[in-house]
Amino acid sequence: MSEKEPSILDYDTVTLLDEENALLIIDQTKLPGKIVLKKLKTAEEMWNSIYLLEVRGAPAIGVTAALGIYLLTKQVKVPQTDTEENYRVNFAALETEFEKQKEYLDSSRPTAVNLSWALKRMDKALLSMKDRNDLLITDVKDRLRQEAESIRSEDIEVCRKIGEYGLGLLKKGDGLLTHCNAGKLATIEYGTATAPMYLGHERGYGFHIFCDETRPLLQGSRLTAFELASAGMDVTVECDNMSASLMRTGRVQAVFVGCDRVASNGDTANKIGTSLLALAAKRYNVPFYVCAPTSTIDMSLKSGAEIPIEQRKPEEVTEMWYKERMAPENVKAYNPAFDVTDNDLITGIITEYGIAKEPFSESLRRIFDLKKKHQDSNVNNK
């Protein structure tokens, strides 16, 4: 009997190859045609991989940055206070190099707040050792690796909890619509918007999933449909401008999308086209849910107007995926990577600590209160 061909679900989105000083990622620009695994060793390779969407999705970007800056810091050459391999650290020199790499990686994708969140968390872990006079380089390496791996493992648990909350809103046989890719490929496991779908599939809910193809980079048809079909789900791809027509037929009972940033008032930034989906859902009375780990919620922003929106190359609209250019040479292209969905179009924001609803400024604050109590409880129990 021949061995079963590996599925996309058999590979981790991001893997640490510590002995090789490398990250192993799935190059998502090659999907669904072929599964290509790529090693990232330098800061430039990591930056390019995030910018070029070889690794993408806010949570996965955060994990990549955390593991990446651990590897980069591990290899930093700073003046030694000892000649031994496990030398005492010149902390000021190490911190300078760390900050340089942190700022560089953080510049790769401005909208996805998980990127800066993960890097700030790694920075905090480093600074927690600043006042130790006996600090050895192995202490730094061990602490940063521990923090990076915690970010990775927490992502899996966060997505599972989001899935449980989301599944509680659904019934067997529902039709679900999603946009872009907020699935396993955008996280480490389960995904955010797809987490209720994965858990429901495991429990025999028999969902029918509709995936917007998601122009111009086709993450819905290339990635979401690919991974959900690989899991054995019932999946249909549609062009983005068909969503309203589909909802009008009554075949969609709920919309689930991910996000890259949430403001304190509940406005959310997600892949371009999401706001149109929300408008159509409002018109046809279809619940519209945003699945957001608390790491994606930026309580420092008053509204979505303050969320920076990445502008990408016009060639993604005019040339990518075509054998020949599909717009006149003298025509410009408008290509924002994200749009903002206003909070009045959102039924609920599903987090790992529960579901926030209007008024979002109050419910999101309660979510963070629950998170703090949980964190304080964990500290006290250690």
Protein backbone atom coordinates (compact mmCIF):
# COMPACT_ATOMS: atom_id res chain seq x y z
CA MET A 1 0.00 0.00 0.00
CA SER A 2 1.43 3.40 -0.99
CA GLU A 3 1.87 6.06 1.65
CA LYS A 4 -0.82 8.73 1.88
CA GLU A 5 0.14 12.02 0.22
CA PRO A 6 0.75 14.72 2.88
CA SER A 7 -2.05 17.26 3.35
CA ILE A 8 -1.56 20.95 4.05
CA LEU A 9 -2.93 20.16 7.52
CA ASP A 10 0.09 17.92 8.20
CA TYR A 11 2.42 20.95 8.27
CA ASP A 12 2.80 23.68 10.90
CA THR A 13 2.45 27.24 9.66
CA VAL A 14 5.64 28.27 11.50
CA THR A 15 8.22 25.91 13.02
CA LEU A 16 11.34 26.70 15.03
CA LEU A 17 14.48 24.87 13.86
CA ASP A 18 16.61 25.92 16.80
CA GLU A 19 19.73 23.90 16.00
CA GLU A 20 19.76 25.33 12.47
CA ASN A 21 19.06 28.89 13.66
CA ALA A 22 16.11 28.99 11.27
CA LEU A 23 12.36 29.23 10.96
CA LEU A 24 10.51 26.83 8.70
CA ILE A 25 7.38 28.28 7.09
CA ILE A 26 4.86 27.25 4.47
CA ASP A 27 5.34 29.61 1.52
CA GLN A 28 1.71 30.59 1.09
CA THR A 29 2.33 32.39 -2.19
CA LYS A 30 2.77 28.96 -3.80
CA LEU A 31 -0.56 27.54 -2.58
CA PRO A 32 -2.68 25.75 -3.60
CA GLY A 33 -0.57 24.57 -6.54
CA LYS A 34 2.18 23.08 -4.43
CA ILE A 35 3.30 22.92 -0.82
CA VAL A 36 6.69 24.59 -0.49
CA LEU A 37 8.50 24.77 2.85
CA LYS A 38 10.98 27.60 3.20
CA LYS A 39 13.73 28.26 5.76
CA LEU A 40 14.29 31.78 7.07
CA LYS A 41 17.61 32.57 8.73
CA THR A 42 18.35 36.27 8.33
CA ALA A 43 16.42 39.35 9.41
CA GLU A 44 16.00 40.30 5.75
CA GLU A 45 14.54 36.90 4.89
CA MET A 46 12.08 37.18 7.78
CA TRP A 47 11.09 40.74 6.80
CA ASN A 48 10.59 39.79 3.16
CA SER A 49 8.61 36.70 4.05
CA ILE A 50 6.15 38.75 6.12
CA TYR A 51 5.92 41.61 3.60
CA LEU A 52 5.53 39.32 0.58
CA LEU A 53 2.80 37.29 2.36
CA GLU A 54 4.77 34.06 2.33
CA VAL A 55 3.72 33.93 5.97
CA ARG A 56 0.58 35.92 6.71
CA GLY A 57 -2.36 36.30 9.06
CA ALA A 58 -2.02 38.51 12.14
CA PRO A 59 -1.47 35.70 14.69
CA ALA A 60 1.01 33.80 12.48
CA ILE A 61 2.92 37.01 11.80
CA GLY A 62 3.17 37.60 15.54
CA VAL A 63 4.50 34.09 16.17
CA THR A 64 6.98 34.43 13.31
CA ALA A 65 8.27 37.73 14.69
CA ALA A 66 8.62 36.33 18.23
CA LEU A 67 10.51 33.22 17.14
CA GLY A 68 12.47 35.26 14.61
CA ILE A 69 13.75 37.87 17.03
CA TYR A 70 14.72 35.09 19.43
CA LEU A 71 16.90 33.56 16.71
CA LEU A 72 18.37 36.91 15.70
CA THR A 73 19.19 37.84 19.29
CA LYS A 74 20.67 34.41 19.89
CA GLN A 75 23.18 35.08 17.12
CA VAL A 76 24.06 38.68 18.03
CA LYS A 77 27.78 39.29 18.47
CA VAL A 78 28.35 41.66 21.37
CA PRO A 79 31.44 42.46 23.43
CA GLN A 80 32.02 39.69 25.95
CA THR A 81 32.94 40.15 29.57
CA ASP A 82 34.35 36.60 29.68
CA THR A 83 36.17 34.38 27.21
CA GLU A 84 33.96 31.36 27.91
CA GLU A 85 31.22 30.33 25.49
CA ASN A 86 28.60 30.95 28.19
CA TYR A 87 29.76 34.48 28.90
CA ARG A 88 28.30 37.24 31.06
CA VAL A 89 26.22 39.60 28.94
CA ASN A 90 27.07 43.18 28.03
CA PHE A 91 23.41 44.08 28.35
CA ALA A 92 23.59 47.59 26.88
CA ALA A 93 25.18 46.31 23.68
CA LEU A 94 22.72 43.42 23.45
CA GLU A 95 19.74 45.72 24.00
CA THR A 96 20.91 48.05 21.24
CA GLU A 97 21.09 45.19 18.74
CA PHE A 98 17.74 43.81 19.89
CA GLU A 99 16.01 47.18 19.39
CA LYS A 100 17.48 47.51 15.92
CA GLN A 101 16.12 44.11 14.85
CA LYS A 102 12.77 44.73 16.57
CA GLU A 103 12.17 48.01 14.73
CA TYR A 104 13.20 46.43 11.43
CA LEU A 105 10.82 43.45 11.72
CA ASP A 106 8.03 45.71 12.99
CA SER A 107 8.17 47.76 9.78
CA SER A 108 7.18 44.85 7.55
CA ARG A 109 3.37 45.06 8.02
CA PRO A 110 1.92 48.20 9.71
CA THR A 111 -1.74 47.16 10.09
CA ALA A 112 -1.39 43.78 11.84
CA VAL A 113 -1.09 44.76 15.50
CA ASN A 114 -0.01 41.23 16.51
CA LEU A 115 3.36 41.96 14.93
CA SER A 116 4.16 44.87 17.24
CA TRP A 117 2.39 43.15 20.17
CA ALA A 118 4.61 40.06 19.93
CA LEU A 119 7.79 42.11 19.52
CA LYS A 120 6.90 44.31 22.51
CA ARG A 121 6.29 41.18 24.56
CA MET A 122 9.71 39.82 23.59
CA ASP A 123 11.24 43.21 24.46
CA LYS A 124 9.59 43.07 27.88
CA ALA A 125 11.03 39.59 28.45
CA LEU A 126 14.51 40.87 27.62
CA LEU A 127 14.20 43.93 29.85
CA SER A 128 13.08 41.77 32.78
CA MET A 129 16.70 40.58 32.99
CA LYS A 130 18.33 44.00 32.72
CA ASP A 131 19.32 44.44 36.37
CA ARG A 132 20.93 41.04 36.82
CA ASN A 133 24.67 41.42 37.41
CA ASP A 134 25.34 37.72 36.84
CA LEU A 135 23.34 37.43 33.61
CA LEU A 136 24.78 34.82 31.25
CA ILE A 137 24.10 34.56 27.53
CA THR A 138 22.40 31.20 28.07
CA ASP A 139 19.97 32.92 30.46
CA VAL A 140 19.01 35.39 27.73
CA LYS A 141 18.60 32.67 25.13
CA ASP A 142 16.52 30.48 27.44
CA ARG A 143 14.22 33.35 28.50
CA LEU A 144 13.58 34.60 24.98
CA ARG A 145 12.96 31.11 23.63
CA GLN A 146 10.54 30.44 26.49
CA GLU A 147 8.61 33.63 25.74
CA ALA A 148 8.47 32.98 22.00
CA GLU A 149 7.26 29.42 22.48
CA SER A 150 4.66 30.67 24.98
CA ILE A 151 3.32 33.07 22.34
CA ARG A 152 3.11 30.15 19.91
CA SER A 153 1.37 27.73 22.30
CA GLU A 154 -1.00 30.43 23.58
CA ASP A 155 -2.11 31.10 20.01
CA ILE A 156 -3.37 27.52 19.70
CA GLU A 157 -5.35 27.73 22.95
CA VAL A 158 -6.74 31.18 22.12
CA CYS A 159 -8.03 29.97 18.75
CA ARG A 160 -9.62 26.90 20.31
CA LYS A 161 -11.48 29.07 22.83
CA ILE A 162 -12.66 31.43 20.08
CA GLY A 163 -13.91 28.35 18.24
CA GLU A 164 -15.91 27.17 21.26
CA TYR A 165 -17.57 30.58 21.72
CA GLY A 166 -18.30 30.82 18.01
CA LEU A 167 -19.71 27.29 17.79
CA GLY A 168 -22.14 28.13 20.57
CA LEU A 169 -23.80 30.63 18.21
CA LEU A 170 -24.49 28.04 15.51
CA LYS A 171 -26.65 25.02 14.79
CA LYS A 172 -26.11 21.94 12.67
CA GLY A 173 -26.38 22.42 8.92
CA ASP A 174 -25.79 26.19 8.96
CA GLY A 175 -24.33 27.95 5.96
CA LEU A 176 -21.31 30.06 6.93
CA LEU A 177 -19.60 32.74 4.88
CA THR A 178 -16.01 33.89 5.39
CA HIS A 179 -13.63 36.32 3.72
CA CYS A 180 -9.87 36.13 3.15
CA ASN A 181 -8.02 33.51 5.24
CA ALA A 182 -8.40 33.52 9.00
CA GLY A 183 -7.73 29.80 9.17
CA LYS A 184 -4.97 27.45 10.26
CA LEU A 185 -2.67 29.03 7.68
CA ALA A 186 -3.10 32.42 9.38
CA THR A 187 -2.43 31.04 12.87
CA ILE A 188 -0.80 27.92 14.28
CA GLU A 189 -3.91 25.76 14.61
CA TYR A 190 -7.72 26.10 14.18
CA GLY A 191 -7.59 29.66 12.89
CA THR A 192 -9.82 32.42 14.26
CA ALA A 193 -12.81 32.76 11.92
CA THR A 194 -12.47 29.12 10.90
CA ALA A 195 -12.12 27.77 14.46
CA PRO A 196 -15.90 27.24 14.85
CA MET A 197 -15.86 25.48 11.48
CA TYR A 198 -13.06 23.08 12.45
CA LEU A 199 -14.64 22.27 15.82
CA GLY A 200 -18.08 21.91 14.24
CA HIS A 201 -16.69 19.60 11.57
CA GLU A 202 -15.10 17.40 14.25
CA ARG A 203 -18.48 17.17 15.99
CA GLY A 204 -20.59 16.43 12.92
CA TYR A 205 -22.32 19.80 12.46
CA GLY A 206 -22.32 19.47 8.67
CA PHE A 207 -21.72 23.14 7.90
CA HIS A 208 -21.63 24.40 4.33
CA ILE A 209 -18.82 26.94 4.00
CA PHE A 210 -18.81 29.74 1.43
CA CYS A 211 -15.44 31.42 0.77
CA ASP A 212 -15.13 34.80 -0.90
CA GLU A 213 -12.21 34.46 -3.32
CA THR A 214 -10.80 37.74 -1.84
CA ARG A 215 -9.36 39.93 -4.57
CA PRO A 216 -6.69 40.84 -5.44
CA LEU A 217 -4.53 38.17 -3.73
CA LEU A 218 -7.19 35.42 -3.66
CA GLN A 219 -6.55 34.27 -0.09
CA GLY A 220 -10.09 32.90 0.15
CA SER A 221 -9.93 30.66 -2.90
CA ARG A 222 -6.20 29.79 -2.68
CA LEU A 223 -5.92 29.31 1.07
CA THR A 224 -9.21 29.05 2.99
CA ALA A 225 -10.97 26.81 0.46
CA PHE A 226 -7.79 24.74 0.17
CA GLU A 227 -7.32 24.09 3.88
CA LEU A 228 -11.03 23.55 4.68
CA ALA A 229 -11.48 21.19 1.73
CA SER A 230 -8.34 19.33 2.84
CA ALA A 231 -10.05 18.86 6.21
CA GLY A 232 -13.06 17.31 4.47
CA MET A 233 -15.49 20.22 4.77
CA ASP A 234 -18.18 21.14 2.25
CA VAL A 235 -16.76 24.28 0.62
CA THR A 236 -17.96 26.58 -2.17
CA VAL A 237 -15.86 29.45 -3.60
CA GLU A 238 -17.54 32.60 -4.86
CA CYS A 239 -16.32 35.88 -6.30
CA ASP A 240 -16.38 38.73 -3.78
CA ASN A 241 -19.17 40.58 -5.58
CA MET A 242 -21.49 37.55 -5.31
CA SER A 243 -21.83 37.64 -1.51
CA ALA A 244 -24.87 39.90 -1.38
CA SER A 245 -26.65 37.77 -3.97
CA LEU A 246 -25.87 34.65 -1.94
CA MET A 247 -27.09 36.15 1.35
CA ARG A 248 -30.30 37.24 -0.34
CA THR A 249 -31.12 33.57 -1.05
CA GLY A 250 -31.10 32.71 2.66
CA ARG A 251 -28.32 30.15 2.35
CA VAL A 252 -26.04 31.99 4.77
CA GLN A 253 -26.87 31.92 8.49
CA ALA A 254 -23.76 33.71 9.75
CA VAL A 255 -20.62 35.51 8.57
CA PHE A 256 -17.33 34.86 10.36
CA VAL A 257 -14.24 36.94 9.57
CA GLY A 258 -10.89 37.51 11.23
CA CYS A 259 -9.19 40.86 11.72
CA ASP A 260 -5.80 42.51 11.92
CA ARG A 261 -6.70 45.21 14.42
CA VAL A 262 -9.67 46.26 16.55
CA ALA A 263 -10.06 49.77 17.94
CA SER A 264 -11.50 50.39 21.42
CA ASN A 265 -14.89 51.38 19.97
CA GLY A 266 -15.22 48.06 18.08
CA ASP A 267 -14.25 49.29 14.60
CA THR A 268 -12.19 46.55 12.95
CA ALA A 269 -9.62 46.42 10.17
CA ASN A 270 -9.62 43.28 8.05
CA LYS A 271 -8.76 42.29 4.51
CA ILE A 272 -10.09 44.66 1.87
CA GLY A 273 -13.69 43.83 0.99
CA THR A 274 -14.77 42.97 4.54
CA SER A 275 -16.73 46.19 5.02
CA LEU A 276 -18.80 45.47 1.88
CA LEU A 277 -19.56 42.02 3.27
CA ALA A 278 -20.69 43.58 6.54
CA LEU A 279 -22.95 46.04 4.72
CA ALA A 280 -24.62 43.22 2.78
CA ALA A 281 -25.03 41.15 5.96
CA LYS A 282 -26.74 44.09 7.67
CA ARG A 283 -29.13 44.48 4.75
CA TYR A 284 -30.15 40.81 4.78
CA ASN A 285 -30.18 40.37 8.58
CA VAL A 286 -27.28 37.91 8.63
CA PRO A 287 -25.25 37.99 11.88
CA PHE A 288 -21.74 39.32 11.26
CA TYR A 289 -19.05 38.15 13.70
CA VAL A 290 -15.43 39.26 13.95
CA CYS A 291 -13.09 36.69 15.54
CA ALA A 292 -10.35 38.58 17.38
CA PRO A 293 -7.76 37.35 19.88
CA THR A 294 -7.27 40.02 22.53
CA SER A 295 -3.74 40.47 21.16
CA THR A 296 -5.42 41.96 18.08
CA ILE A 297 -7.42 44.54 20.07
CA ASP A 298 -5.72 47.92 20.37
CA MET A 299 -7.42 49.77 23.22
CA SER A 300 -5.16 52.78 22.64
CA LEU A 301 -7.08 53.65 19.47
CA LYS A 302 -10.36 55.53 19.79
CA SER A 303 -11.74 54.40 16.43
CA GLY A 304 -10.92 52.71 13.15
CA ALA A 305 -9.95 56.09 11.71
CA GLU A 306 -6.67 55.76 13.64
CA ILE A 307 -5.77 52.34 12.23
CA PRO A 308 -2.92 52.61 9.68
CA ILE A 309 -3.93 51.02 6.38
CA GLU A 310 -1.19 49.41 4.32
CA GLN A 311 -1.09 50.42 0.65
CA ARG A 312 0.33 47.72 -1.60
CA LYS A 313 1.82 47.61 -5.08
CA PRO A 314 -0.59 48.36 -7.97
CA GLU A 315 0.76 45.35 -9.88
CA GLU A 316 -1.20 43.07 -7.52
CA VAL A 317 -4.37 44.47 -9.09
CA THR A 318 -3.29 44.94 -12.69
CA GLU A 319 -0.92 42.04 -13.37
CA MET A 320 -0.76 39.34 -10.71
CA TRP A 321 -2.47 36.03 -11.68
CA TYR A 322 -2.78 37.12 -15.32
CA LYS A 323 -0.71 35.99 -18.30
CA GLU A 324 -1.03 39.50 -19.68
CA ARG A 325 -1.65 42.83 -17.96
CA MET A 326 -5.41 43.29 -17.52
CA ALA A 327 -5.51 47.09 -17.28
CA PRO A 328 -4.22 49.78 -19.64
CA GLU A 329 -0.62 50.81 -19.05
CA ASN A 330 -1.57 54.42 -18.24
CA VAL A 331 -4.22 53.52 -15.62
CA LYS A 332 -3.51 53.83 -11.91
CA ALA A 333 -4.54 51.20 -9.35
CA TYR A 334 -5.90 51.75 -5.85
CA ASN A 335 -4.77 48.85 -3.67
CA PRO A 336 -5.30 49.17 0.10
CA ALA A 337 -4.66 45.84 1.82
CA PHE A 338 -7.40 46.41 4.42
CA ASP A 339 -10.60 48.32 5.06
CA VAL A 340 -12.32 49.31 8.28
CA THR A 341 -15.71 47.86 9.22
CA ASP A 342 -17.70 50.26 11.39
CA ASN A 343 -18.86 48.88 14.71
CA ASP A 344 -22.57 49.37 13.97
CA LEU A 345 -22.28 46.68 11.28
CA ILE A 346 -20.82 44.09 13.69
CA THR A 347 -23.05 41.70 15.64
CA GLY A 348 -20.29 40.56 17.97
CA ILE A 349 -16.52 40.38 18.43
CA ILE A 350 -15.55 36.88 19.54
CA THR A 351 -12.47 36.71 21.78
CA GLU A 352 -10.88 34.00 23.91
CA TYR A 353 -12.58 35.61 26.95
CA GLY A 354 -16.08 35.83 25.54
CA ILE A 355 -18.15 37.75 23.02
CA ALA A 356 -18.19 41.55 23.02
CA LYS A 357 -21.34 43.30 21.82
CA GLU A 358 -22.59 46.88 21.60
CA PRO A 359 -21.65 49.17 23.21
CA PHE A 360 -18.20 47.82 22.32
CA SER A 361 -16.28 50.44 24.29
CA GLU A 362 -17.78 48.92 27.45
CA SER A 363 -17.85 45.23 26.49
CA LEU A 364 -14.25 45.24 25.26
CA ARG A 365 -13.16 46.84 28.52
CA ARG A 366 -14.93 44.03 30.39
CA ILE A 367 -13.12 41.49 28.20
CA PHE A 368 -9.78 42.97 29.23
CA ASP A 369 -10.84 42.98 32.88
CA LEU A 370 -11.50 39.24 32.58
CA LYS A 371 -8.14 38.76 30.91
CA LYS A 372 -6.33 40.60 33.72
CA LYS A 373 -8.11 38.53 36.39
CA HIS A 374 -7.14 35.36 34.56
CA GLN A 375 -3.51 36.46 34.27
CA ASP A 376 -3.37 37.53 37.93
CA SER A 377 -4.84 34.18 38.97
CA ASN A 378 -2.19 32.31 36.98
CA VAL A 379 0.59 34.36 38.62
CA ASN A 380 -0.81 33.71 42.11
CA ASN A 381 -1.12 29.98 41.44
CA LYS A 382 2.51 29.59 40.38
